Amino acid sequence: VIGCIGGGSSFSGLFWPFYHDVVTGKAPKDVKFIAVEPTACPSITRGYYTYDHGDTAKLTPLIKMYTLGHMFIPPPIHAGGLRYHGKAPTLCLLARHGIVEARAYDQVSVFDAAALFTRTEGFLPAPEPSHAIKAVIDEALKCRETGEEKTLLFLLCGHGLLDMQAFDDYLRGKLKPYYYPREKVLEALNELKKLYPWLFKQQSS
C-alpha cells in the first residue's frame, strides 16, 4: 500500500483500513505500507522525531512528529502539496516503530516515473502522486527480478492538468534534483532547543 505524504492525510485515508485489518488479524496476507516524500522536504527520512509546532506562528500546541522545524521554508519544487515541515502524529508513530516505511525521491526521478505512467496508462498524474508512482515502479521492478508476485495498491490523488508548466520544465530539462541540506535540519533542531530546553531534557532522561 503506497502513497505520497505531505502532511499525511491522503495516505492515511488509504492505509489505515488495511492496517486495521492487519492488527485485528483479518488481513489474509502480509501488508507493507510505504509512504513517499520528496528529498526536498524529507520530514520522516531526514527530520527529527520530537515535539514541534504545526505552523510558523507557533499557534498550534506542540505535536510529537517527525519535523524539519516549524520555521521551514519550502524549496521551489513542483510538488507543492508535499512541502510541509512535519507529518501526522499517528503516521509518524507508525514510522517510528517500523510499521510504515518512508522513502524519499528527488523530483527528476519522480517526473521520470510520471512520464512513464502517462505513456503507458494515458493519464497525466500530478507531481504529488507521482512520488507514489515512482515507488510502485521500483517495487514492480523488484518483483520482476525476484519472480515474486505482489498486489501493488497506490493512491493517485491528483491529475496533472494544473501542472503543465512543471511538465514543460521537465521536458525542457530545467528540473534539478534537490536534497534538503542536513545543516538546515540541525539549525531547526537547535532553534527548538532554544525555545523549549526543558522538552529536550525530558526526552533525554
N, C-alpha and C. Protein backbone atom coordinates (compact mmCIF):
# COMPACT_ATOMS: atom_id res chain seq x y z
N VAL A 1 0.86 -1.17 0.00
CA VAL A 1 0.00 0.00 0.00
C VAL A 1 0.91 1.23 0.00
N ILE A 2 0.83 2.02 -1.05
CA ILE A 2 1.80 3.08 -1.28
C ILE A 2 1.09 4.42 -1.51
N GLY A 3 1.63 5.48 -0.92
CA GLY A 3 1.06 6.80 -1.15
C GLY A 3 2.08 7.89 -0.88
N CYS A 4 1.85 9.06 -1.46
CA CYS A 4 2.71 10.21 -1.19
C CYS A 4 2.29 10.85 0.12
N ILE A 5 3.21 11.57 0.75
CA ILE A 5 2.88 12.23 2.01
C ILE A 5 3.39 13.67 2.01
N GLY A 6 2.49 14.57 2.35
CA GLY A 6 2.84 15.96 2.60
C GLY A 6 2.65 16.16 4.10
N GLY A 7 1.38 16.24 4.52
CA GLY A 7 1.04 16.17 5.93
C GLY A 7 0.68 14.75 6.32
N GLY A 8 0.21 13.98 5.33
CA GLY A 8 -0.10 12.57 5.57
C GLY A 8 -1.56 12.20 5.51
N SER A 9 -2.44 13.16 5.20
CA SER A 9 -3.88 12.89 5.26
C SER A 9 -4.36 11.93 4.18
N SER A 10 -3.94 12.14 2.94
CA SER A 10 -4.44 11.27 1.87
C SER A 10 -3.92 9.84 2.03
N PHE A 11 -2.64 9.70 2.35
CA PHE A 11 -2.09 8.36 2.55
C PHE A 11 -2.74 7.67 3.75
N SER A 12 -3.01 8.43 4.80
CA SER A 12 -3.66 7.85 5.98
C SER A 12 -5.04 7.33 5.63
N GLY A 13 -5.76 8.07 4.79
CA GLY A 13 -7.08 7.60 4.36
C GLY A 13 -7.02 6.31 3.59
N LEU A 14 -5.90 6.07 2.93
CA LEU A 14 -5.73 4.84 2.16
C LEU A 14 -5.29 3.68 3.03
N PHE A 15 -4.27 3.88 3.86
CA PHE A 15 -3.65 2.72 4.50
C PHE A 15 -4.26 2.32 5.83
N TRP A 16 -4.94 3.23 6.55
CA TRP A 16 -5.45 2.88 7.87
C TRP A 16 -6.42 1.70 7.85
N PRO A 17 -7.36 1.61 6.92
CA PRO A 17 -8.23 0.42 6.92
C PRO A 17 -7.46 -0.88 6.76
N PHE A 18 -6.42 -0.86 5.95
CA PHE A 18 -5.60 -2.06 5.76
C PHE A 18 -4.79 -2.36 7.03
N TYR A 19 -4.30 -1.32 7.68
CA TYR A 19 -3.57 -1.51 8.93
C TYR A 19 -4.50 -2.09 10.00
N HIS A 20 -5.73 -1.62 10.02
CA HIS A 20 -6.71 -2.15 10.97
C HIS A 20 -6.90 -3.65 10.76
N ASP A 21 -6.99 -4.06 9.51
CA ASP A 21 -7.14 -5.49 9.21
C ASP A 21 -5.91 -6.28 9.65
N VAL A 22 -4.74 -5.66 9.53
CA VAL A 22 -3.50 -6.34 9.94
C VAL A 22 -3.49 -6.56 11.45
N VAL A 23 -3.77 -5.53 12.22
CA VAL A 23 -3.67 -5.63 13.69
C VAL A 23 -4.81 -6.44 14.29
N THR A 24 -5.94 -6.54 13.58
CA THR A 24 -7.06 -7.34 14.09
C THR A 24 -7.04 -8.77 13.56
N GLY A 25 -6.03 -9.08 12.73
CA GLY A 25 -5.91 -10.44 12.23
C GLY A 25 -6.82 -10.77 11.07
N LYS A 26 -7.44 -9.76 10.47
CA LYS A 26 -8.37 -10.00 9.36
C LYS A 26 -7.66 -10.04 8.01
N ALA A 27 -6.46 -9.50 7.94
CA ALA A 27 -5.74 -9.45 6.66
C ALA A 27 -5.34 -10.86 6.23
N PRO A 28 -5.67 -11.27 5.00
CA PRO A 28 -5.35 -12.62 4.54
C PRO A 28 -3.87 -12.81 4.22
N LYS A 29 -3.11 -11.72 4.14
CA LYS A 29 -1.69 -11.82 3.81
C LYS A 29 -0.95 -10.65 4.44
N ASP A 30 0.38 -10.72 4.42
CA ASP A 30 1.18 -9.62 4.94
C ASP A 30 0.98 -8.37 4.08
N VAL A 31 0.93 -7.22 4.73
CA VAL A 31 0.75 -5.96 4.02
C VAL A 31 1.91 -5.03 4.37
N LYS A 32 2.49 -4.43 3.37
CA LYS A 32 3.59 -3.49 3.54
C LYS A 32 3.07 -2.08 3.25
N PHE A 33 3.42 -1.13 4.09
CA PHE A 33 2.97 0.24 3.93
C PHE A 33 4.18 1.13 3.60
N ILE A 34 4.09 1.85 2.49
CA ILE A 34 5.20 2.69 2.04
C ILE A 34 4.72 4.13 1.84
N ALA A 35 5.30 5.05 2.59
CA ALA A 35 4.97 6.47 2.49
C ALA A 35 6.12 7.18 1.78
N VAL A 36 5.80 7.95 0.75
CA VAL A 36 6.84 8.55 -0.09
C VAL A 36 6.80 10.07 0.01
N GLU A 37 7.96 10.66 0.25
CA GLU A 37 8.08 12.10 0.36
C GLU A 37 9.19 12.61 -0.55
N PRO A 38 9.24 13.91 -0.81
CA PRO A 38 10.32 14.46 -1.65
C PRO A 38 11.63 14.57 -0.88
N THR A 39 12.75 14.43 -1.58
CA THR A 39 14.04 14.68 -0.95
C THR A 39 14.18 16.16 -0.58
N ALA A 40 13.34 16.99 -1.18
CA ALA A 40 13.36 18.43 -0.87
C ALA A 40 12.64 18.75 0.43
N CYS A 41 11.83 17.82 0.91
CA CYS A 41 11.10 18.01 2.16
C CYS A 41 11.02 16.66 2.89
N PRO A 42 12.15 16.14 3.34
CA PRO A 42 12.23 14.78 3.87
C PRO A 42 11.96 14.70 5.37
N SER A 43 10.76 15.01 5.78
CA SER A 43 10.44 15.09 7.21
C SER A 43 10.74 13.80 7.95
N ILE A 44 10.27 12.67 7.41
CA ILE A 44 10.46 11.39 8.10
C ILE A 44 11.85 10.82 7.85
N THR A 45 12.30 10.89 6.62
CA THR A 45 13.57 10.24 6.28
C THR A 45 14.79 10.99 6.78
N ARG A 46 14.66 12.31 7.03
CA ARG A 46 15.83 13.07 7.49
C ARG A 46 15.53 14.01 8.65
N GLY A 47 14.26 14.13 9.02
CA GLY A 47 13.90 15.02 10.12
C GLY A 47 14.10 14.38 11.48
N TYR A 48 13.71 15.11 12.52
CA TYR A 48 13.83 14.62 13.89
C TYR A 48 12.46 14.28 14.45
N TYR A 49 12.42 13.24 15.26
CA TYR A 49 11.17 12.84 15.91
C TYR A 49 11.12 13.52 17.27
N THR A 50 10.37 14.59 17.34
CA THR A 50 10.32 15.38 18.56
C THR A 50 9.04 16.21 18.56
N TYR A 51 8.86 17.01 19.59
CA TYR A 51 7.72 17.90 19.65
C TYR A 51 8.02 19.19 18.89
N ASP A 52 7.05 19.64 18.10
CA ASP A 52 7.22 20.88 17.35
C ASP A 52 5.84 21.46 17.07
N HIS A 53 5.83 22.72 16.68
CA HIS A 53 4.58 23.37 16.28
C HIS A 53 4.21 22.98 14.86
N GLY A 54 2.93 23.00 14.59
CA GLY A 54 2.45 22.68 13.25
C GLY A 54 2.45 23.86 12.31
N ASP A 55 2.79 25.06 12.82
CA ASP A 55 2.76 26.25 11.98
C ASP A 55 3.88 27.20 12.37
N THR A 56 4.21 28.09 11.45
CA THR A 56 5.31 29.03 11.66
C THR A 56 5.04 30.00 12.80
N ALA A 57 3.78 30.39 12.98
CA ALA A 57 3.43 31.36 14.01
C ALA A 57 3.37 30.75 15.41
N LYS A 58 3.54 29.43 15.50
CA LYS A 58 3.52 28.71 16.78
C LYS A 58 2.17 28.83 17.49
N LEU A 59 1.10 28.82 16.72
CA LEU A 59 -0.25 28.90 17.29
C LEU A 59 -0.78 27.54 17.70
N THR A 60 -0.28 26.49 17.09
CA THR A 60 -0.73 25.14 17.45
C THR A 60 -0.01 24.68 18.72
N PRO A 61 -0.57 23.71 19.41
CA PRO A 61 0.18 23.10 20.51
C PRO A 61 1.38 22.33 19.97
N LEU A 62 2.26 21.94 20.84
CA LEU A 62 3.40 21.12 20.43
C LEU A 62 2.91 19.73 20.07
N ILE A 63 3.37 19.23 18.93
CA ILE A 63 2.91 17.96 18.39
C ILE A 63 4.11 17.02 18.24
N LYS A 64 3.96 15.78 18.68
CA LYS A 64 5.05 14.80 18.52
C LYS A 64 5.01 14.27 17.09
N MET A 65 6.06 14.55 16.35
CA MET A 65 6.09 14.15 14.94
C MET A 65 7.51 14.24 14.40
N TYR A 66 7.71 13.70 13.23
CA TYR A 66 8.95 13.95 12.51
C TYR A 66 8.85 15.35 11.91
N THR A 67 9.89 16.15 12.08
CA THR A 67 9.80 17.54 11.66
C THR A 67 11.13 18.06 11.12
N LEU A 68 11.03 19.01 10.21
CA LEU A 68 12.18 19.76 9.72
C LEU A 68 12.27 21.12 10.39
N GLY A 69 11.36 21.36 11.34
CA GLY A 69 11.33 22.64 12.04
C GLY A 69 10.21 23.52 11.55
N HIS A 70 9.49 24.15 12.48
CA HIS A 70 8.32 24.96 12.10
C HIS A 70 8.70 26.21 11.33
N MET A 71 9.98 26.58 11.31
CA MET A 71 10.43 27.74 10.52
C MET A 71 10.86 27.32 9.11
N PHE A 72 10.56 26.11 8.75
CA PHE A 72 10.92 25.55 7.44
C PHE A 72 10.38 26.41 6.30
N ILE A 73 11.26 26.74 5.37
CA ILE A 73 10.88 27.48 4.16
C ILE A 73 10.90 26.51 2.99
N PRO A 74 9.75 26.25 2.37
CA PRO A 74 9.70 25.25 1.30
C PRO A 74 10.60 25.61 0.13
N PRO A 75 11.35 24.66 -0.37
CA PRO A 75 12.17 24.90 -1.56
C PRO A 75 11.30 24.98 -2.80
N PRO A 76 11.80 25.54 -3.88
CA PRO A 76 10.99 25.72 -5.10
C PRO A 76 10.88 24.45 -5.94
N ILE A 77 10.16 23.46 -5.40
CA ILE A 77 9.91 22.25 -6.19
C ILE A 77 8.46 22.29 -6.66
N HIS A 78 8.14 21.40 -7.62
CA HIS A 78 6.81 21.46 -8.22
C HIS A 78 5.73 20.70 -7.46
N ALA A 79 6.12 19.84 -6.53
CA ALA A 79 5.12 19.11 -5.74
C ALA A 79 4.73 19.96 -4.54
N GLY A 80 3.97 21.02 -4.80
CA GLY A 80 3.62 21.97 -3.76
C GLY A 80 2.86 21.36 -2.60
N GLY A 81 2.06 20.34 -2.87
CA GLY A 81 1.26 19.72 -1.83
C GLY A 81 2.05 18.87 -0.85
N LEU A 82 3.34 18.68 -1.12
CA LEU A 82 4.17 17.84 -0.24
C LEU A 82 5.20 18.66 0.53
N ARG A 83 5.04 19.98 0.54
CA ARG A 83 6.07 20.84 1.15
C ARG A 83 5.68 21.29 2.55
N TYR A 84 5.42 20.34 3.43
CA TYR A 84 5.08 20.65 4.82
C TYR A 84 6.19 20.14 5.72
N HIS A 85 6.50 20.87 6.76
CA HIS A 85 7.68 20.54 7.58
C HIS A 85 7.50 19.31 8.45
N GLY A 86 6.25 18.96 8.76
CA GLY A 86 6.01 17.81 9.64
C GLY A 86 5.11 16.78 8.99
N LYS A 87 4.66 15.84 9.79
CA LYS A 87 3.74 14.81 9.30
C LYS A 87 2.74 14.50 10.41
N ALA A 88 1.64 13.85 10.05
CA ALA A 88 0.61 13.50 11.02
C ALA A 88 1.21 12.67 12.16
N PRO A 89 0.87 12.99 13.42
CA PRO A 89 1.47 12.28 14.56
C PRO A 89 1.27 10.77 14.53
N THR A 90 0.09 10.32 14.14
CA THR A 90 -0.15 8.87 14.12
C THR A 90 0.70 8.19 13.05
N LEU A 91 0.83 8.84 11.90
CA LEU A 91 1.67 8.30 10.83
C LEU A 91 3.13 8.26 11.29
N CYS A 92 3.57 9.31 11.96
CA CYS A 92 4.95 9.37 12.45
C CYS A 92 5.21 8.27 13.47
N LEU A 93 4.24 8.01 14.32
CA LEU A 93 4.40 6.96 15.33
C LEU A 93 4.60 5.60 14.68
N LEU A 94 3.80 5.31 13.65
CA LEU A 94 3.94 4.03 12.96
C LEU A 94 5.26 3.95 12.21
N ALA A 95 5.71 5.07 11.67
CA ALA A 95 7.02 5.09 11.01
C ALA A 95 8.13 4.88 12.03
N ARG A 96 7.96 5.47 13.19
CA ARG A 96 8.95 5.33 14.26
C ARG A 96 9.13 3.88 14.68
N HIS A 97 8.02 3.13 14.66
CA HIS A 97 8.05 1.72 15.06
C HIS A 97 8.28 0.77 13.89
N GLY A 98 8.56 1.33 12.71
CA GLY A 98 8.88 0.49 11.56
C GLY A 98 7.69 -0.15 10.89
N ILE A 99 6.50 0.27 11.24
CA ILE A 99 5.30 -0.30 10.63
C ILE A 99 5.05 0.32 9.26
N VAL A 100 5.34 1.60 9.15
CA VAL A 100 5.29 2.30 7.86
C VAL A 100 6.72 2.58 7.42
N GLU A 101 7.04 2.22 6.19
CA GLU A 101 8.36 2.52 5.63
C GLU A 101 8.30 3.84 4.88
N ALA A 102 9.23 4.73 5.18
CA ALA A 102 9.29 6.02 4.48
C ALA A 102 10.41 6.01 3.46
N ARG A 103 10.11 6.55 2.28
CA ARG A 103 11.11 6.70 1.23
C ARG A 103 11.08 8.13 0.72
N ALA A 104 12.19 8.57 0.17
CA ALA A 104 12.27 9.92 -0.41
C ALA A 104 12.88 9.84 -1.80
N TYR A 105 12.27 10.56 -2.74
CA TYR A 105 12.76 10.61 -4.12
C TYR A 105 12.94 12.06 -4.55
N ASP A 106 13.92 12.30 -5.42
CA ASP A 106 14.10 13.64 -5.95
C ASP A 106 13.10 13.88 -7.09
N GLN A 107 12.86 15.16 -7.42
CA GLN A 107 11.79 15.49 -8.36
C GLN A 107 12.08 15.03 -9.79
N VAL A 108 13.33 14.89 -10.17
CA VAL A 108 13.62 14.43 -11.53
C VAL A 108 13.24 12.97 -11.70
N SER A 109 13.61 12.12 -10.75
CA SER A 109 13.23 10.71 -10.83
C SER A 109 11.72 10.55 -10.73
N VAL A 110 11.08 11.43 -9.98
CA VAL A 110 9.62 11.39 -9.85
C VAL A 110 8.95 11.75 -11.18
N PHE A 111 9.45 12.76 -11.86
CA PHE A 111 8.88 13.13 -13.15
C PHE A 111 9.20 12.09 -14.22
N ASP A 112 10.32 11.41 -14.09
CA ASP A 112 10.60 10.28 -14.99
C ASP A 112 9.51 9.22 -14.85
N ALA A 113 9.15 8.93 -13.60
CA ALA A 113 8.10 7.95 -13.34
C ALA A 113 6.75 8.43 -13.86
N ALA A 114 6.47 9.72 -13.69
CA ALA A 114 5.21 10.28 -14.18
C ALA A 114 5.12 10.19 -15.70
N ALA A 115 6.24 10.44 -16.38
CA ALA A 115 6.26 10.37 -17.84
C ALA A 115 6.00 8.94 -18.32
N LEU A 116 6.62 7.97 -17.64
CA LEU A 116 6.40 6.57 -18.00
C LEU A 116 4.95 6.18 -17.77
N PHE A 117 4.39 6.62 -16.65
CA PHE A 117 2.99 6.31 -16.33
C PHE A 117 2.06 6.92 -17.38
N THR A 118 2.34 8.14 -17.80
CA THR A 118 1.50 8.81 -18.79
C THR A 118 1.54 8.08 -20.13
N ARG A 119 2.72 7.65 -20.54
CA ARG A 119 2.85 6.95 -21.81
C ARG A 119 2.16 5.59 -21.80
N THR A 120 2.18 4.92 -20.67
CA THR A 120 1.62 3.56 -20.60
C THR A 120 0.14 3.54 -20.22
N GLU A 121 -0.29 4.51 -19.40
CA GLU A 121 -1.66 4.50 -18.90
C GLU A 121 -2.55 5.56 -19.54
N GLY A 122 -1.96 6.53 -20.24
CA GLY A 122 -2.76 7.57 -20.87
C GLY A 122 -3.38 8.55 -19.90
N PHE A 123 -2.78 8.70 -18.73
CA PHE A 123 -3.30 9.59 -17.69
C PHE A 123 -2.13 10.37 -17.12
N LEU A 124 -2.28 11.69 -17.07
CA LEU A 124 -1.21 12.55 -16.57
C LEU A 124 -1.37 12.76 -15.07
N PRO A 125 -0.50 12.19 -14.25
CA PRO A 125 -0.63 12.35 -12.80
C PRO A 125 -0.03 13.67 -12.33
N ALA A 126 -0.52 14.17 -11.23
CA ALA A 126 0.07 15.36 -10.61
C ALA A 126 1.44 15.00 -10.04
N PRO A 127 2.29 15.99 -9.81
CA PRO A 127 3.61 15.70 -9.24
C PRO A 127 3.55 14.98 -7.90
N GLU A 128 2.54 15.31 -7.08
CA GLU A 128 2.46 14.69 -5.75
C GLU A 128 2.31 13.17 -5.82
N PRO A 129 1.24 12.63 -6.45
CA PRO A 129 1.13 11.17 -6.52
C PRO A 129 2.19 10.51 -7.38
N SER A 130 2.89 11.29 -8.19
CA SER A 130 3.98 10.71 -8.98
C SER A 130 5.10 10.18 -8.09
N HIS A 131 5.18 10.69 -6.87
CA HIS A 131 6.13 10.13 -5.90
C HIS A 131 5.75 8.69 -5.59
N ALA A 132 4.45 8.45 -5.41
CA ALA A 132 3.98 7.09 -5.15
C ALA A 132 4.20 6.20 -6.37
N ILE A 133 3.98 6.77 -7.55
CA ILE A 133 4.18 6.00 -8.79
C ILE A 133 5.63 5.56 -8.91
N LYS A 134 6.56 6.42 -8.54
CA LYS A 134 7.98 6.06 -8.56
C LYS A 134 8.24 4.85 -7.67
N ALA A 135 7.65 4.84 -6.48
CA ALA A 135 7.82 3.72 -5.56
C ALA A 135 7.18 2.45 -6.11
N VAL A 136 6.02 2.59 -6.76
CA VAL A 136 5.34 1.44 -7.36
C VAL A 136 6.22 0.82 -8.45
N ILE A 137 6.79 1.66 -9.29
CA ILE A 137 7.66 1.16 -10.36
C ILE A 137 8.86 0.42 -9.76
N ASP A 138 9.45 0.99 -8.72
CA ASP A 138 10.58 0.33 -8.06
C ASP A 138 10.19 -1.03 -7.51
N GLU A 139 9.01 -1.10 -6.88
CA GLU A 139 8.55 -2.38 -6.33
C GLU A 139 8.27 -3.39 -7.43
N ALA A 140 7.68 -2.93 -8.53
CA ALA A 140 7.38 -3.82 -9.66
C ALA A 140 8.67 -4.37 -10.27
N LEU A 141 9.68 -3.54 -10.38
CA LEU A 141 10.96 -4.00 -10.92
C LEU A 141 11.62 -5.03 -10.00
N LYS A 142 11.47 -4.84 -8.69
CA LYS A 142 11.99 -5.84 -7.74
C LYS A 142 11.28 -7.18 -7.94
N CYS A 143 9.97 -7.12 -8.14
CA CYS A 143 9.20 -8.35 -8.35
C CYS A 143 9.64 -9.05 -9.64
N ARG A 144 9.95 -8.27 -10.65
CA ARG A 144 10.43 -8.85 -11.91
C ARG A 144 11.75 -9.58 -11.68
N GLU A 145 12.61 -9.00 -10.86
CA GLU A 145 13.92 -9.60 -10.60
C GLU A 145 13.81 -10.87 -9.75
N THR A 146 12.92 -10.84 -8.76
CA THR A 146 12.83 -11.96 -7.82
C THR A 146 11.80 -13.01 -8.23
N GLY A 147 10.89 -12.64 -9.14
CA GLY A 147 9.84 -13.56 -9.53
C GLY A 147 8.68 -13.60 -8.54
N GLU A 148 8.72 -12.72 -7.54
CA GLU A 148 7.67 -12.68 -6.54
C GLU A 148 6.43 -11.97 -7.08
N GLU A 149 5.26 -12.47 -6.71
CA GLU A 149 4.00 -11.84 -7.12
C GLU A 149 3.48 -10.98 -5.97
N LYS A 150 3.13 -9.74 -6.29
CA LYS A 150 2.59 -8.82 -5.29
C LYS A 150 1.42 -8.05 -5.88
N THR A 151 0.50 -7.68 -5.02
CA THR A 151 -0.54 -6.73 -5.38
C THR A 151 -0.06 -5.35 -4.93
N LEU A 152 0.06 -4.42 -5.86
CA LEU A 152 0.55 -3.08 -5.56
C LEU A 152 -0.60 -2.09 -5.64
N LEU A 153 -0.97 -1.53 -4.51
CA LEU A 153 -2.05 -0.55 -4.44
C LEU A 153 -1.44 0.81 -4.12
N PHE A 154 -1.77 1.81 -4.92
CA PHE A 154 -1.28 3.16 -4.62
C PHE A 154 -2.40 4.17 -4.83
N LEU A 155 -2.20 5.34 -4.26
CA LEU A 155 -3.20 6.39 -4.33
C LEU A 155 -2.82 7.42 -5.39
N LEU A 156 -3.66 7.52 -6.42
CA LEU A 156 -3.47 8.54 -7.46
C LEU A 156 -4.37 9.72 -7.08
N CYS A 157 -3.83 10.62 -6.27
CA CYS A 157 -4.65 11.64 -5.61
C CYS A 157 -4.66 12.99 -6.32
N GLY A 158 -4.27 13.01 -7.59
CA GLY A 158 -4.32 14.29 -8.28
C GLY A 158 -4.00 14.17 -9.75
N HIS A 159 -4.71 14.96 -10.57
CA HIS A 159 -4.48 15.00 -12.02
C HIS A 159 -3.47 16.09 -12.33
N GLY A 160 -2.67 15.89 -13.35
CA GLY A 160 -1.60 16.83 -13.67
C GLY A 160 -1.96 17.95 -14.61
N LEU A 161 -3.23 18.11 -14.94
CA LEU A 161 -3.61 19.15 -15.89
C LEU A 161 -3.34 20.56 -15.37
N LEU A 162 -3.27 20.71 -14.05
CA LEU A 162 -2.96 22.02 -13.48
C LEU A 162 -1.46 22.20 -13.27
N ASP A 163 -0.69 21.23 -13.71
CA ASP A 163 0.76 21.28 -13.50
C ASP A 163 1.52 21.22 -14.82
N MET A 164 0.92 21.75 -15.88
CA MET A 164 1.55 21.65 -17.20
C MET A 164 2.89 22.39 -17.27
N GLN A 165 3.01 23.48 -16.52
CA GLN A 165 4.29 24.21 -16.51
C GLN A 165 5.40 23.34 -15.94
N ALA A 166 5.05 22.56 -14.91
CA ALA A 166 6.04 21.66 -14.31
C ALA A 166 6.51 20.62 -15.31
N PHE A 167 5.58 20.05 -16.05
CA PHE A 167 5.96 19.04 -17.04
C PHE A 167 6.72 19.67 -18.21
N ASP A 168 6.37 20.91 -18.54
CA ASP A 168 7.12 21.61 -19.58
C ASP A 168 8.57 21.84 -19.14
N ASP A 169 8.74 22.23 -17.89
CA ASP A 169 10.10 22.40 -17.35
C ASP A 169 10.86 21.08 -17.37
N TYR A 170 10.15 20.01 -17.04
CA TYR A 170 10.79 18.68 -17.05
C TYR A 170 11.24 18.30 -18.45
N LEU A 171 10.36 18.47 -19.42
CA LEU A 171 10.69 18.09 -20.80
C LEU A 171 11.80 18.96 -21.38
N ARG A 172 11.93 20.18 -20.89
CA ARG A 172 12.99 21.08 -21.37
C ARG A 172 14.30 20.91 -20.59
N GLY A 173 14.29 19.98 -19.64
CA GLY A 173 15.49 19.73 -18.86
C GLY A 173 15.80 20.78 -17.82
N LYS A 174 14.78 21.54 -17.41
CA LYS A 174 15.00 22.61 -16.45
C LYS A 174 14.91 22.14 -15.00
N LEU A 175 14.32 20.98 -14.77
CA LEU A 175 14.19 20.49 -13.40
C LEU A 175 15.53 19.98 -12.90
N LYS A 176 15.80 20.25 -11.63
CA LYS A 176 17.01 19.76 -10.99
C LYS A 176 16.65 18.98 -9.74
N PRO A 177 17.38 17.92 -9.46
CA PRO A 177 17.14 17.21 -8.20
C PRO A 177 17.56 18.10 -7.03
N TYR A 178 16.74 18.11 -5.99
CA TYR A 178 17.05 18.95 -4.84
C TYR A 178 16.99 18.10 -3.57
N TYR A 179 18.01 18.23 -2.75
CA TYR A 179 18.09 17.49 -1.50
C TYR A 179 18.20 18.51 -0.36
N TYR A 180 17.26 18.43 0.57
CA TYR A 180 17.25 19.40 1.66
C TYR A 180 18.51 19.24 2.50
N PRO A 181 19.24 20.33 2.73
CA PRO A 181 20.53 20.25 3.43
C PRO A 181 20.39 19.78 4.88
N ARG A 182 21.27 18.89 5.28
CA ARG A 182 21.29 18.40 6.66
C ARG A 182 21.52 19.54 7.64
N GLU A 183 22.31 20.53 7.23
CA GLU A 183 22.60 21.65 8.11
C GLU A 183 21.33 22.41 8.50
N LYS A 184 20.39 22.50 7.55
CA LYS A 184 19.13 23.19 7.83
C LYS A 184 18.31 22.45 8.88
N VAL A 185 18.36 21.13 8.82
CA VAL A 185 17.64 20.32 9.81
C VAL A 185 18.25 20.54 11.19
N LEU A 186 19.56 20.57 11.27
CA LEU A 186 20.25 20.79 12.54
C LEU A 186 19.97 22.19 13.08
N GLU A 187 19.90 23.17 12.19
CA GLU A 187 19.57 24.54 12.61
C GLU A 187 18.18 24.58 13.24
N ALA A 188 17.24 23.89 12.62
CA ALA A 188 15.87 23.87 13.13
C ALA A 188 15.81 23.20 14.50
N LEU A 189 16.56 22.11 14.65
CA LEU A 189 16.59 21.41 15.93
C LEU A 189 17.19 22.30 17.02
N ASN A 190 18.24 23.01 16.70
CA ASN A 190 18.86 23.92 17.67
C ASN A 190 17.91 25.04 18.06
N GLU A 191 17.13 25.52 17.11
CA GLU A 191 16.14 26.56 17.40
C GLU A 191 15.08 26.03 18.37
N LEU A 192 14.66 24.79 18.16
CA LEU A 192 13.69 24.18 19.07
C LEU A 192 14.27 24.04 20.47
N LYS A 193 15.53 23.67 20.54
CA LYS A 193 16.19 23.52 21.84
C LYS A 193 16.27 24.85 22.59
N LYS A 194 16.45 25.94 21.85
CA LYS A 194 16.48 27.26 22.47
C LYS A 194 15.10 27.64 23.00
N LEU A 195 14.08 27.31 22.22
CA LEU A 195 12.71 27.67 22.61
C LEU A 195 12.22 26.84 23.79
N TYR A 196 12.51 25.54 23.75
CA TYR A 196 11.98 24.62 24.76
C TYR A 196 13.07 23.70 25.30
N PRO A 197 14.03 24.25 26.05
CA PRO A 197 15.12 23.41 26.57
C PRO A 197 14.62 22.31 27.50
N TRP A 198 13.56 22.59 28.24
CA TRP A 198 13.00 21.59 29.16
C TRP A 198 12.50 20.36 28.43
N LEU A 199 12.03 20.56 27.20
CA LEU A 199 11.49 19.45 26.42
C LEU A 199 12.58 18.44 26.09
N PHE A 200 13.72 18.91 25.73
CA PHE A 200 14.80 18.01 25.34
C PHE A 200 15.47 17.36 26.55
N LYS A 201 15.39 18.03 27.71
CA LYS A 201 15.87 17.40 28.94
C LYS A 201 14.99 16.21 29.30
N GLN A 202 13.68 16.37 29.10
CA GLN A 202 12.75 15.27 29.37
C GLN A 202 12.98 14.11 28.43
N GLN A 203 13.22 14.41 27.15
CA GLN A 203 13.39 13.36 26.16
C GLN A 203 14.67 12.57 26.38
N SER A 204 15.71 13.23 26.90
CA SER A 204 16.98 12.54 27.11
C SER A 204 17.03 11.78 28.42
N SER A 205 16.08 12.07 29.31
CA SER A 205 16.08 11.41 30.62
C SER A 205 15.33 10.09 30.58
